[in-house]
Amino acid sequence: MPLPLGQFLRQWRTELGYSQEQLAQKAGIGLSTLRRWEQGRVQPRLVELDRLLDALSLPLAERLQALSLIDKPRASQRLDQLQRPELPLEDVFQEFEPLPGRLLQAMRRRSGLTGQQAALRLGVSPSLLSLWESSARVPAPHQFAALFALYQADPEEQAALSQERWRLNGQAAQPPVSLDACEAQMQTLLALIRTDLPFLGDLRFLQLEAMLWPLAQSQETARLLLAEVYGWHAEWLHHRGRFGESGPYAQRYLDLMPREDKPPPLWTQQIGLLARCASNRPGKASPVRGFALWREALPTAKEAGCETAAYREMADYAMACGRSSEAFSLIELAHQTASHIEDPWPKQAANKIHARLLVEADRQREAVPRLIVASEMEECPLQQVYTDCLWADVLLALASRAEAAERVRHAYRLIETFALEHWRSEVDRWAQRL
């Protein structure tokens, strides 16, 4: 059941760290007015609500939700106006053109450097670095050498970005690329993703996107294939722990896919990535955003037969928001919907999230049977590390230190084998408790 508007506004205000006085001043409304809204005594006029939502800097999904909670005809009209239109394809292609500078940007982010940090180490201005990353300027040979050294570029990446070439697909004069060749290359990338072994994903994905990009502007089949490549690019970035980069690629997938009543399974994965990206932004973690994205997507997820994933994710975010009773209600819905699916994976995944909720609620003993069921599922190395951390928490609570230590050692072995360095700090936390 949706929250009343007053609770919705209060929740977002506290989530973003505003006092009532601060928010009222920023939005240019009276303090007593804001208090009456949050208490549910009166509803704001649309112009006042707009000012408040602007002050909170809420994204479109949350603005739509706020409008849906106002029982007024004008609110319904505004809701219709704000529904996100399909982005014109020419705008999509202009925004997403796979230029060589994108590889420079990906290499920088892979190195964990901000633009200012990289510019400082290179001895250039941040604006010049931005011009390189937008492909508006080409670095000089000595600047390329400095960039490659700073980012620890692979020789293949260096060859793709050298001044003589400065194009992701080699020389300007090259034979036309066939869709069959692009499809084969994508299948190769998918096979590499599923192994979770390190490979030159930044280069390989951008090269494939550069091959498909001109074809996709005139061929619907190529456009759909490009969308799929964007989706798997987002998945790969997420598995490498580069959450901030995965969200834009997930959005590209959604922008290029046709609006269907029953979207493919990859659609659900991209909604999940956008929710995780919104919920895990450095310094701005907001599980409420993740919950809101899934709630908005729930009707379509039901049509696609993916509602169990939606309930599962919403339960996780609800617990992170401190709404434990709602979290446990949602995970029960995940179990119920998963029970009608022949594939055992959704049932096991629901048990895994359920175990996490129990751990968060300090009910570790109850989590054991859930984890046993969840451990039967085939997992990628990243998921195995996550499972090891859950087991370590449970075993420590049950005074099984030796078994917990073995779980931590197994997690470290996975990190070393599959280059999952972004998980090391999480596992270090459990190691310190031992």
Protein backbone atom coordinates (compact mmCIF):
# COMPACT_ATOMS: atom_id res chain seq x y z
CA MET A 1 0.00 0.00 0.00
CA PRO A 2 1.56 3.36 -0.99
CA LEU A 3 2.55 5.85 1.67
CA PRO A 4 0.37 8.94 2.19
CA LEU A 5 1.89 12.05 0.65
CA GLY A 6 2.85 13.54 4.02
CA GLN A 7 4.80 10.42 5.04
CA PHE A 8 6.39 10.28 1.59
CA LEU A 9 7.65 13.87 1.89
CA ARG A 10 8.88 13.37 5.45
CA GLN A 11 10.69 10.17 4.50
CA TRP A 12 12.54 11.85 1.65
CA ARG A 13 13.38 14.91 3.75
CA THR A 14 14.94 12.79 6.51
CA GLU A 15 16.61 10.47 4.00
CA LEU A 16 18.37 13.45 2.42
CA GLY A 17 19.35 14.96 5.77
CA TYR A 18 17.18 18.09 5.85
CA SER A 19 15.48 19.49 8.93
CA GLN A 20 12.02 20.94 8.39
CA GLU A 21 13.44 24.44 8.81
CA GLN A 22 16.19 23.85 6.23
CA LEU A 23 13.87 22.39 3.62
CA ALA A 24 11.19 25.03 4.09
CA GLN A 25 13.78 27.78 3.61
CA LYS A 26 15.30 26.11 0.55
CA ALA A 27 11.88 25.56 -1.07
CA GLY A 28 10.63 29.07 -0.21
CA ILE A 29 7.59 27.87 1.71
CA GLY A 30 6.47 28.48 5.28
CA LEU A 31 7.65 26.15 8.04
CA SER A 32 4.12 25.72 9.37
CA THR A 33 2.95 24.91 5.83
CA LEU A 34 5.51 22.11 5.48
CA ARG A 35 4.56 20.73 8.88
CA ARG A 36 0.87 20.58 7.89
CA TRP A 37 1.79 18.75 4.67
CA GLU A 38 3.87 16.17 6.49
CA GLN A 39 1.14 15.69 9.10
CA GLY A 40 -1.36 15.04 6.29
CA ARG A 41 -3.63 17.84 7.42
CA VAL A 42 -3.61 19.56 4.01
CA GLN A 43 -2.29 18.77 0.54
CA PRO A 44 0.04 21.18 -1.28
CA ARG A 45 -0.91 23.05 -4.40
CA LEU A 46 0.97 21.81 -7.47
CA VAL A 47 3.13 24.92 -7.73
CA GLU A 48 4.15 24.51 -4.08
CA LEU A 49 4.81 20.79 -4.52
CA ASP A 50 6.99 21.55 -7.54
CA ARG A 51 9.11 23.92 -5.45
CA LEU A 52 9.48 21.31 -2.71
CA LEU A 53 10.44 18.51 -5.12
CA ASP A 54 12.96 20.85 -6.80
CA ALA A 55 14.48 21.61 -3.40
CA LEU A 56 14.79 17.88 -2.72
CA SER A 57 16.25 17.31 -6.23
CA LEU A 58 14.05 14.25 -6.61
CA PRO A 59 14.36 12.29 -9.88
CA LEU A 60 11.44 11.77 -12.23
CA ALA A 61 10.32 8.44 -10.75
CA GLU A 62 9.85 9.98 -7.31
CA ARG A 63 8.15 13.08 -8.74
CA LEU A 64 5.65 10.84 -10.49
CA GLN A 65 5.04 8.98 -7.27
CA ALA A 66 4.45 12.20 -5.32
CA LEU A 67 1.91 13.39 -7.90
CA SER A 68 0.14 10.03 -7.81
CA LEU A 69 -0.49 10.58 -4.08
CA ILE A 70 -2.45 13.82 -4.63
CA ASP A 71 -6.18 13.30 -5.08
CA LYS A 72 -6.76 16.20 -7.46
CA PRO A 73 -7.62 16.28 -11.22
CA ARG A 74 -4.77 18.69 -11.97
CA ALA A 75 -2.33 16.27 -10.35
CA SER A 76 -3.52 13.52 -12.69
CA GLN A 77 -3.04 15.83 -15.67
CA ARG A 78 0.48 16.72 -14.54
CA LEU A 79 1.22 13.03 -14.02
CA ASP A 80 0.28 12.32 -17.63
CA GLN A 81 2.48 15.19 -18.83
CA LEU A 82 5.49 13.99 -16.88
CA GLN A 83 5.37 10.35 -17.91
CA ARG A 84 8.77 9.75 -19.49
CA PRO A 85 8.43 9.90 -23.27
CA GLU A 86 10.50 7.70 -25.50
CA LEU A 87 13.74 9.46 -26.27
CA PRO A 88 14.00 10.27 -30.00
CA LEU A 89 16.43 7.80 -31.54
CA GLU A 90 18.54 10.54 -33.11
CA ASP A 91 19.09 11.98 -29.62
CA VAL A 92 19.97 8.56 -28.24
CA PHE A 93 22.60 7.97 -30.91
CA GLN A 94 24.10 11.42 -30.57
CA GLU A 95 24.41 10.99 -26.80
CA PHE A 96 25.82 7.46 -26.90
CA GLU A 97 28.29 7.68 -29.79
CA PRO A 98 31.16 5.30 -28.88
CA LEU A 99 34.06 7.73 -29.34
CA PRO A 100 37.66 6.81 -28.43
CA GLY A 101 37.66 9.22 -25.50
CA ARG A 102 35.12 6.96 -23.79
CA LEU A 103 37.85 4.34 -23.46
CA LEU A 104 40.14 6.89 -21.82
CA GLN A 105 37.35 7.75 -19.40
CA ALA A 106 36.68 4.08 -18.67
CA MET A 107 40.37 3.45 -18.00
CA ARG A 108 40.48 6.38 -15.58
CA ARG A 109 37.43 5.19 -13.67
CA ARG A 110 38.80 1.66 -13.64
CA SER A 111 41.87 3.10 -11.92
CA GLY A 112 39.66 4.66 -9.24
CA LEU A 113 40.61 8.23 -10.12
CA THR A 114 38.37 11.27 -10.37
CA GLY A 115 38.93 13.70 -13.23
CA GLN A 116 40.64 16.19 -10.91
CA GLN A 117 42.92 13.53 -9.41
CA ALA A 118 43.98 12.27 -12.84
CA ALA A 119 44.56 15.79 -14.19
CA LEU A 120 46.72 16.64 -11.17
CA ARG A 121 48.91 13.57 -11.65
CA LEU A 122 49.20 14.22 -15.37
CA GLY A 123 50.05 17.88 -14.87
CA VAL A 124 47.19 19.10 -17.09
CA SER A 125 44.01 21.03 -16.41
CA PRO A 126 40.77 19.12 -15.69
CA SER A 127 39.19 20.88 -18.68
CA LEU A 128 41.86 19.48 -21.03
CA LEU A 129 41.34 15.99 -19.65
CA SER A 130 37.61 16.42 -20.23
CA LEU A 131 38.28 17.39 -23.85
CA TRP A 132 40.32 14.20 -24.33
CA GLU A 133 37.58 12.07 -22.80
CA SER A 134 34.94 13.67 -25.03
CA SER A 135 37.19 13.13 -28.10
CA ALA A 136 37.16 16.89 -28.78
CA ARG A 137 40.98 16.91 -28.57
CA VAL A 138 43.60 14.23 -29.24
CA PRO A 139 46.45 13.90 -26.72
CA ALA A 140 50.00 14.46 -27.96
CA PRO A 141 52.36 11.42 -28.02
CA HIS A 142 53.99 12.29 -24.68
CA GLN A 143 50.54 12.83 -23.16
CA PHE A 144 49.41 9.43 -24.40
CA ALA A 145 52.46 7.89 -22.75
CA ALA A 146 51.60 9.57 -19.45
CA LEU A 147 47.97 8.48 -19.67
CA PHE A 148 48.88 4.87 -20.41
CA ALA A 149 51.35 4.77 -17.53
CA LEU A 150 48.91 6.31 -15.07
CA TYR A 151 46.03 4.01 -16.05
CA GLN A 152 48.23 0.92 -16.52
CA ALA A 153 46.80 0.47 -20.00
CA ASP A 154 47.05 -2.89 -21.73
CA PRO A 155 49.08 -2.92 -25.01
CA GLU A 156 45.85 -3.54 -26.97
CA GLU A 157 44.26 -0.49 -25.37
CA GLN A 158 47.35 1.54 -26.17
CA ALA A 159 47.20 0.42 -29.80
CA ALA A 160 43.52 1.35 -30.09
CA LEU A 161 44.16 4.84 -28.70
CA SER A 162 47.48 5.76 -30.21
CA GLN A 163 47.60 9.14 -31.96
CA GLU A 164 47.98 7.54 -35.38
CA ARG A 165 44.69 5.63 -35.00
CA TRP A 166 42.53 7.33 -32.35
CA ARG A 167 39.57 5.18 -33.32
CA LEU A 168 38.21 2.13 -31.58
CA ASN A 169 37.99 -0.01 -34.69
CA GLY A 170 41.30 0.64 -36.38
CA GLN A 171 41.78 2.55 -39.63
CA ALA A 172 39.10 4.76 -41.14
CA ALA A 173 38.95 2.69 -44.32
CA GLN A 174 37.61 -0.70 -43.25
CA PRO A 175 35.15 -3.17 -44.77
CA PRO A 176 31.51 -3.00 -43.66
CA VAL A 177 30.72 -5.05 -40.58
CA SER A 178 28.00 -7.71 -40.74
CA LEU A 179 25.39 -8.20 -38.06
CA ASP A 180 26.34 -11.88 -37.90
CA ALA A 181 29.91 -10.91 -36.99
CA CYS A 182 28.61 -8.55 -34.29
CA GLU A 183 26.30 -11.24 -32.90
CA ALA A 184 29.19 -13.71 -32.78
CA GLN A 185 31.38 -11.19 -30.98
CA MET A 186 28.63 -10.55 -28.44
CA GLN A 187 28.29 -14.27 -27.73
CA THR A 188 32.05 -14.40 -27.14
CA LEU A 189 31.76 -11.56 -24.64
CA LEU A 190 28.86 -13.29 -22.87
CA ALA A 191 30.92 -16.46 -22.51
CA LEU A 192 33.74 -14.40 -20.94
CA ILE A 193 31.32 -12.64 -18.56
CA ARG A 194 29.95 -15.95 -17.33
CA THR A 195 33.43 -17.20 -16.41
CA ASP A 196 34.01 -14.03 -14.34
CA LEU A 197 37.66 -14.18 -15.38
CA PRO A 198 39.34 -10.81 -16.12
CA PHE A 199 39.40 -9.67 -19.74
CA LEU A 200 39.68 -6.36 -21.57
CA GLY A 201 35.99 -5.60 -21.16
CA ASP A 202 36.28 -1.82 -21.53
CA LEU A 203 37.96 -2.18 -24.90
CA ARG A 204 35.94 -5.15 -26.16
CA PHE A 205 32.54 -3.67 -25.36
CA LEU A 206 33.38 -0.25 -26.77
CA GLN A 207 34.78 -1.82 -29.96
CA LEU A 208 31.60 -3.84 -30.46
CA GLU A 209 29.44 -0.77 -29.76
CA ALA A 210 31.48 1.19 -32.31
CA MET A 211 30.85 -1.55 -34.88
CA LEU A 212 27.10 -1.60 -34.25
CA TRP A 213 26.50 2.09 -33.74
CA PRO A 214 26.35 3.19 -37.44
CA LEU A 215 24.25 0.14 -38.38
CA ALA A 216 21.80 0.71 -35.52
CA GLN A 217 20.84 4.16 -36.80
CA SER A 218 19.11 2.64 -39.83
CA GLN A 219 18.42 -1.01 -38.96
CA GLU A 220 16.04 -2.07 -36.20
CA THR A 221 17.75 -5.47 -35.82
CA ALA A 222 21.08 -3.73 -35.24
CA ARG A 223 19.45 -1.34 -32.78
CA LEU A 224 18.07 -4.20 -30.71
CA LEU A 225 21.45 -5.93 -30.74
CA LEU A 226 23.16 -2.70 -29.67
CA ALA A 227 20.68 -2.37 -26.81
CA GLU A 228 21.52 -5.91 -25.71
CA VAL A 229 25.24 -5.09 -25.82
CA TYR A 230 24.62 -2.03 -23.63
CA GLY A 231 22.73 -4.23 -21.18
CA TRP A 232 25.53 -6.77 -20.88
CA HIS A 233 28.09 -3.97 -20.69
CA ALA A 234 26.17 -2.71 -17.66
CA GLU A 235 26.17 -6.21 -16.14
CA TRP A 236 29.92 -6.57 -16.65
CA LEU A 237 30.63 -3.21 -15.02
CA HIS A 238 28.45 -4.15 -12.07
CA HIS A 239 30.32 -7.42 -11.61
CA ARG A 240 33.60 -5.49 -11.59
CA GLY A 241 32.30 -3.30 -8.78
CA ARG A 242 32.01 -0.21 -11.01
CA PHE A 243 28.46 0.54 -9.96
CA GLY A 244 28.44 4.23 -10.91
CA GLU A 245 29.29 3.35 -14.51
CA SER A 246 26.79 0.51 -14.85
CA GLY A 247 23.72 2.72 -14.39
CA PRO A 248 24.13 4.84 -17.55
CA TYR A 249 24.61 1.72 -19.69
CA ALA A 250 21.51 0.16 -18.15
CA GLN A 251 19.60 3.34 -19.03
CA ARG A 252 20.90 3.16 -22.61
CA TYR A 253 19.47 -0.35 -22.89
CA LEU A 254 16.08 0.86 -21.66
CA ASP A 255 16.14 3.88 -24.02
CA LEU A 256 16.77 1.73 -27.09
CA MET A 257 14.43 -1.16 -26.30
CA PRO A 258 10.88 -0.86 -27.65
CA ARG A 259 8.16 -0.40 -25.02
CA GLU A 260 6.51 -3.82 -24.82
CA ASP A 261 3.93 -5.29 -22.48
CA LYS A 262 6.18 -8.27 -21.84
CA PRO A 263 9.86 -7.23 -21.99
CA PRO A 264 12.72 -9.76 -22.06
CA PRO A 265 14.44 -10.93 -18.84
CA LEU A 266 17.37 -8.59 -19.47
CA TRP A 267 14.96 -5.67 -18.91
CA THR A 268 14.47 -6.76 -15.30
CA GLN A 269 18.23 -6.98 -14.79
CA GLN A 270 18.67 -3.41 -16.03
CA ILE A 271 16.00 -2.08 -13.66
CA GLY A 272 17.89 -3.84 -10.87
CA LEU A 273 21.15 -2.23 -11.94
CA LEU A 274 19.59 1.24 -12.03
CA ALA A 275 18.16 0.68 -8.56
CA ARG A 276 21.52 -0.47 -7.18
CA CYS A 277 23.27 2.44 -8.87
CA ALA A 278 20.81 4.90 -7.28
CA SER A 279 21.13 3.20 -3.90
CA ASN A 280 24.92 2.95 -3.73
CA ARG A 281 26.14 6.33 -4.97
CA PRO A 282 29.29 7.31 -3.04
CA GLY A 283 28.35 9.75 -0.31
CA LYS A 284 24.70 9.70 -1.40
CA ALA A 285 23.57 6.16 -0.62
CA SER A 286 19.78 6.13 -0.76
CA PRO A 287 18.01 2.75 -0.60
CA VAL A 288 14.72 4.66 -0.81
CA ARG A 289 15.55 5.46 -4.43
CA GLY A 290 16.15 1.80 -5.23
CA PHE A 291 12.87 0.84 -3.59
CA ALA A 292 10.99 3.54 -5.54
CA LEU A 293 12.42 2.40 -8.89
CA TRP A 294 11.31 -1.17 -8.30
CA ARG A 295 7.87 -0.09 -7.11
CA GLU A 296 7.41 1.91 -10.32
CA ALA A 297 8.57 -1.07 -12.40
CA LEU A 298 6.46 -3.65 -10.56
CA PRO A 299 3.44 -3.64 -12.96
CA THR A 300 5.69 -4.30 -15.96
CA ALA A 301 7.68 -6.89 -14.01
CA LYS A 302 4.41 -8.72 -13.31
CA GLU A 303 3.55 -8.73 -17.01
CA ALA A 304 7.01 -10.12 -17.77
CA GLY A 305 6.66 -12.84 -15.14
CA CYS A 306 9.52 -11.30 -13.18
CA GLU A 307 7.61 -10.10 -10.13
CA THR A 308 9.53 -12.44 -7.82
CA ALA A 309 12.72 -10.51 -8.65
CA ALA A 310 10.93 -7.22 -7.96
CA TYR A 311 9.63 -8.37 -4.57
CA ARG A 312 13.05 -9.79 -3.69
CA GLU A 313 14.86 -6.55 -4.47
CA MET A 314 12.20 -4.38 -2.81
CA ALA A 315 12.54 -6.46 0.37
CA ASP A 316 16.29 -5.86 0.39
CA TYR A 317 15.85 -2.09 -0.01
CA ALA A 318 13.05 -1.94 2.55
CA MET A 319 15.34 -3.50 5.16
CA ALA A 320 18.10 -1.03 4.25
CA CYS A 321 15.53 1.77 4.83
CA GLY A 322 14.82 0.41 8.32
CA ARG A 323 11.37 -0.88 7.36
CA SER A 324 11.91 -4.45 8.58
CA SER A 325 8.25 -5.51 8.83
CA GLU A 326 7.65 -4.40 5.23
CA ALA A 327 10.83 -6.19 4.15
CA PHE A 328 9.68 -9.50 5.60
CA SER A 329 6.23 -9.08 4.02
CA LEU A 330 7.82 -8.48 0.62
CA ILE A 331 10.16 -11.46 0.86
CA GLU A 332 7.16 -13.67 1.60
CA LEU A 333 5.61 -12.39 -1.65
CA ALA A 334 8.88 -13.30 -3.40
CA HIS A 335 8.63 -16.84 -2.02
CA GLN A 336 4.97 -17.14 -3.07
CA THR A 337 5.59 -16.00 -6.64
CA ALA A 338 8.77 -18.08 -6.94
CA SER A 339 6.86 -21.22 -5.93
CA HIS A 340 4.99 -21.10 -9.26
CA ILE A 341 8.24 -21.07 -11.29
CA GLU A 342 9.75 -24.39 -12.42
CA ASP A 343 13.31 -23.05 -12.41
CA PRO A 344 14.73 -23.48 -8.86
CA TRP A 345 16.95 -20.38 -9.09
CA PRO A 346 14.29 -17.78 -8.06
CA LYS A 347 13.43 -19.86 -4.99
CA GLN A 348 17.09 -20.10 -3.98
CA ALA A 349 17.66 -16.40 -4.64
CA ALA A 350 14.65 -15.52 -2.45
CA ASN A 351 16.08 -17.70 0.34
CA LYS A 352 19.39 -15.88 0.05
CA ILE A 353 17.80 -12.44 0.45
CA HIS A 354 15.63 -13.84 3.24
CA ALA A 355 18.77 -15.04 5.00
CA ARG A 356 20.29 -11.60 4.66
CA LEU A 357 17.18 -9.98 6.16
CA LEU A 358 17.36 -12.38 9.12
CA VAL A 359 21.05 -11.59 9.62
CA GLU A 360 20.28 -7.86 9.56
CA ALA A 361 17.57 -8.48 12.18
CA ASP A 362 20.07 -10.38 14.41
CA ARG A 363 18.19 -13.62 13.85
CA GLN A 364 21.22 -15.55 12.58
CA ARG A 365 20.06 -18.96 13.78
CA GLU A 366 16.91 -18.66 11.66
CA ALA A 367 19.06 -17.73 8.67
CA VAL A 368 20.90 -21.10 8.61
CA PRO A 369 18.23 -23.18 6.79
CA ARG A 370 17.68 -20.34 4.33
CA LEU A 371 21.40 -20.17 3.58
CA ILE A 372 21.62 -23.93 3.14
CA VAL A 373 18.93 -23.80 0.46
CA ALA A 374 20.52 -20.73 -1.15
CA SER A 375 23.94 -22.43 -1.21
CA GLU A 376 22.59 -25.09 -3.56
CA MET A 377 22.33 -22.59 -6.41
CA GLU A 378 25.04 -22.17 -9.01
CA GLU A 379 26.66 -18.80 -8.43
CA CYS A 380 29.19 -16.62 -10.16
CA PRO A 381 32.34 -15.89 -8.11
CA LEU A 382 31.02 -12.46 -7.10
CA GLN A 383 27.88 -14.03 -5.65
CA GLN A 384 29.96 -16.71 -3.94
CA VAL A 385 31.96 -14.03 -2.11
CA TYR A 386 28.70 -12.44 -0.98
CA THR A 387 27.42 -15.83 0.25
CA ASP A 388 30.69 -16.43 2.12
CA CYS A 389 30.25 -13.10 3.92
CA LEU A 390 26.70 -14.04 4.95
CA TRP A 391 27.88 -17.42 6.23
CA ALA A 392 30.74 -15.77 8.14
CA ASP A 393 28.26 -13.48 9.89
CA VAL A 394 25.98 -16.37 10.84
CA LEU A 395 28.80 -18.67 11.97
CA LEU A 396 30.39 -15.96 14.10
CA ALA A 397 27.06 -15.36 15.83
CA LEU A 398 26.81 -19.11 16.49
CA ALA A 399 30.38 -19.18 17.91
CA SER A 400 31.72 -21.33 15.04
CA ARG A 401 34.85 -19.27 14.54
CA ALA A 402 36.84 -21.96 12.71
CA GLU A 403 34.11 -22.42 10.08
CA ALA A 404 33.68 -18.66 9.77
CA ALA A 405 37.43 -18.29 9.21
CA GLU A 406 37.31 -20.90 6.44
CA ARG A 407 34.51 -18.95 4.74
CA VAL A 408 36.61 -15.80 4.88
CA ARG A 409 39.65 -17.61 3.46
CA HIS A 410 37.50 -18.98 0.63
CA ALA A 411 36.27 -15.46 -0.13
CA TYR A 412 39.86 -14.19 -0.32
CA ARG A 413 40.77 -17.01 -2.72
CA LEU A 414 37.90 -16.01 -5.00
CA ILE A 415 38.99 -12.36 -4.88
CA GLU A 416 42.52 -13.29 -5.91
CA THR A 417 41.46 -15.75 -8.63
CA PHE A 418 38.83 -13.56 -10.26
CA ALA A 419 40.28 -10.09 -9.56
CA LEU A 420 37.31 -9.02 -7.41
CA GLU A 421 39.30 -6.35 -5.60
CA HIS A 422 36.24 -4.20 -4.97
CA TRP A 423 35.05 -6.85 -2.48
CA ARG A 424 38.30 -7.01 -0.51
CA SER A 425 37.34 -4.28 1.97
CA GLU A 426 34.07 -6.09 2.74
CA VAL A 427 35.88 -9.36 3.43
CA ASP A 428 38.54 -7.51 5.44
CA ARG A 429 35.74 -6.41 7.76
CA TRP A 430 34.91 -10.04 8.57
CA ALA A 431 38.57 -10.99 8.88
CA GLN A 432 39.06 -8.29 11.52
CA ARG A 433 36.18 -9.70 13.56
CA LEU A 434 37.98 -13.05 13.66
